[in-house]
C-alpha atoms as a PDB file:
ATOM      1  CA  MET A   1      -1.656  20.631  11.314  1.00  0.00           C
ATOM      2  CA  ILE A   2      -1.588  21.470  14.876  1.00  0.00           C
ATOM      3  CA  ALA A   3      -4.931  20.108  16.463  1.00  0.00           C
ATOM      4  CA  PRO A   4      -4.167  16.792  15.167  1.00  0.00           C
ATOM      5  CA  PHE A   5      -0.387  16.533  16.106  1.00  0.00           C
ATOM      6  CA  TYR A   6      -1.405  17.579  19.784  1.00  0.00           C
ATOM      7  CA  GLU A   7      -3.782  15.081  19.986  1.00  0.00           C
ATOM      8  CA  ILE A   8      -1.668  12.440  18.244  1.00  0.00           C
ATOM      9  CA  ALA A   9       1.145  13.337  20.695  1.00  0.00           C
ATOM     10  CA  SER A  10      -1.504  13.055  23.725  1.00  0.00           C
ATOM     11  CA  ILE A  11      -2.518   9.600  22.545  1.00  0.00           C
ATOM     12  CA  VAL A  12       1.431   8.569  22.394  1.00  0.00           C
ATOM     13  CA  ARG A  13       2.213   9.510  25.451  1.00  0.00           C
ATOM     14  CA  GLU A  14      -1.005   7.808  26.983  1.00  0.00           C
ATOM     15  CA  VAL A  15      -0.129   4.568  25.203  1.00  0.00           C
ATOM     16  CA  LEU A  16       3.684   4.636  26.697  1.00  0.00           C
ATOM     17  CA  HIS A  17       2.325   5.984  30.122  1.00  0.00           C
ATOM     18  CA  ASP A  18       4.802   9.181  29.841  1.00  0.00           C
ATOM     19  CA  ARG A  19       2.874  12.371  30.345  1.00  0.00           C
ATOM     20  CA  ASP A  20       6.245  14.292  30.481  1.00  0.00           C
ATOM     21  CA  LEU A  21       7.444  12.425  27.114  1.00  0.00           C
ATOM     22  CA  ASP A  22       8.873  14.975  24.703  1.00  0.00           C
ATOM     23  CA  ILE A  23       7.265  14.430  20.993  1.00  0.00           C
ATOM     24  CA  ALA A  24       7.934  16.479  17.444  1.00  0.00           C
ATOM     25  CA  LEU A  25       6.421  16.257  14.344  1.00  0.00           C
ATOM     26  CA  THR A  26       9.951  14.292  13.334  1.00  0.00           C
ATOM     27  CA  THR A  27       9.840  12.083  16.501  1.00  0.00           C
ATOM     28  CA  ARG A  28      10.537   8.482  14.802  1.00  0.00           C
ATOM     29  CA  PHE A  29       8.317   5.895  16.565  1.00  0.00           C
ATOM     30  CA  ASP A  30      11.426   3.918  16.984  1.00  0.00           C
ATOM     31  CA  ASP A  31      13.290   5.979  19.049  1.00  0.00           C
ATOM     32  CA  LEU A  32      10.929   6.449  21.531  1.00  0.00           C
ATOM     33  CA  PRO A  33      11.444   4.372  24.866  1.00  0.00           C
ATOM     34  CA  ASP A  34      10.183   0.671  24.805  1.00  0.00           C
ATOM     35  CA  TRP A  35       8.550   1.304  21.655  1.00  0.00           C
ATOM     36  CA  ASP A  36       7.237  -1.808  19.784  1.00  0.00           C
ATOM     37  CA  SER A  37       4.841  -2.990  16.937  1.00  0.00           C
ATOM     38  CA  MET A  38       2.338  -3.154  19.417  1.00  0.00           C
ATOM     39  CA  ASP A  39       2.258   0.363  20.811  1.00  0.00           C
ATOM     40  CA  LEU A  40       1.854   1.885  17.051  1.00  0.00           C
ATOM     41  CA  VAL A  41      -1.424  -0.581  16.665  1.00  0.00           C
ATOM     42  CA  SER A  42      -2.399   1.141  20.096  1.00  0.00           C
ATOM     43  CA  VAL A  43      -1.853   4.446  18.704  1.00  0.00           C
ATOM     44  CA  VAL A  44      -3.545   3.745  15.608  1.00  0.00           C
ATOM     45  CA  VAL A  45      -6.686   2.175  16.799  1.00  0.00           C
ATOM     46  CA  GLU A  46      -7.291   5.365  19.569  1.00  0.00           C
ATOM     47  CA  ILE A  47      -6.774   7.524  16.455  1.00  0.00           C
ATOM     48  CA  GLU A  48      -9.416   5.468  14.651  1.00  0.00           C
ATOM     49  CA  CYS A  49     -11.516   5.746  17.265  1.00  0.00           C
ATOM     50  CA  ARG A  50     -11.297   9.260  18.664  1.00  0.00           C
ATOM     51  CA  PHE A  51     -11.308  10.537  14.280  1.00  0.00           C
ATOM     52  CA  ASP A  52     -13.653   8.241  12.810  1.00  0.00           C
ATOM     53  CA  VAL A  53     -11.090   7.323  10.352  1.00  0.00           C
ATOM     54  CA  GLN A  54      -9.778   3.789   9.053  1.00  0.00           C
ATOM     55  CA  PHE A  55      -6.144   3.268   8.363  1.00  0.00           C
ATOM     56  CA  GLU A  56      -5.186   0.420   5.770  1.00  0.00           C
ATOM     57  CA  LEU A  57      -2.350  -1.977   6.521  1.00  0.00           C
ATOM     58  CA  VAL A  58       0.221  -0.748   3.701  1.00  0.00           C
ATOM     59  CA  GLU A  59      -0.701   3.087   5.181  1.00  0.00           C
ATOM     60  CA  ILE A  60       0.655   2.045   8.609  1.00  0.00           C
ATOM     61  CA  GLU A  61       3.516   0.028   7.641  1.00  0.00           C
ATOM     62  CA  ARG A  62       4.432   3.665   6.077  1.00  0.00           C
ATOM     63  CA  ILE A  63       4.528   5.295   8.924  1.00  0.00           C
ATOM     64  CA  THR A  64       7.894   6.133  10.493  1.00  0.00           C
ATOM     65  CA  THR A  65       7.288   9.448  12.133  1.00  0.00           C
ATOM     66  CA  ILE A  66       4.646  11.341  13.904  1.00  0.00           C
ATOM     67  CA  GLY A  67       4.444  13.905  11.180  1.00  0.00           C
ATOM     68  CA  ASP A  68       3.702  10.829   8.853  1.00  0.00           C
ATOM     69  CA  LEU A  69       0.755  10.053  10.885  1.00  0.00           C
ATOM     70  CA  VAL A  70      -0.551  13.441  11.236  1.00  0.00           C
ATOM     71  CA  GLN A  71      -0.061  13.854   7.592  1.00  0.00           C
ATOM     72  CA  MET A  72      -1.914  10.273   7.104  1.00  0.00           C
ATOM     73  CA  LEU A  73      -4.478  11.866   9.274  1.00  0.00           C
ATOM     74  CA  GLU A  74      -5.035  15.200   7.667  1.00  0.00           C
ATOM     75  CA  ALA A  75      -5.573  13.508   4.001  1.00  0.00           C
ATOM     76  CA  LYS A  76      -7.869  10.970   5.353  1.00  0.00           C
ATOM     77  CA  GLN A  77     -10.264  13.943   7.150  1.00  0.00           C
ATOM     78  CA  THR A  78     -10.055  16.331   4.188  1.00  0.00           C
ATOM     79  CA  LEU A  79     -11.206  13.198   1.802  1.00  0.00           C
ATOM     80  CA  THR A  80     -13.972  12.417   4.500  1.00  0.00           C
ATOM     81  CA  ALA A  81     -14.820  16.097   4.876  1.00  0.00           C
ATOM     82  CA  ALA A  82     -14.789  16.090   0.705  1.00  0.00           C
END
């Protein structure tokens, strides 16, 4: 879970233009400064591009924390590798 977490944290920092943003697995997207739904779309699209995965709308709607996103990404990577 370590590598995807750091990559996702880096993407969130890029989207929010804040390299020093403190992010943990338990960080709720709604608690991030200046966060909105378009930021989530930007993060998800970037993850899809970097990791060659595709998220469904119903999956995106369930994402509330960084950890949720990491778990979904890891599940998709496991399915792709199988």
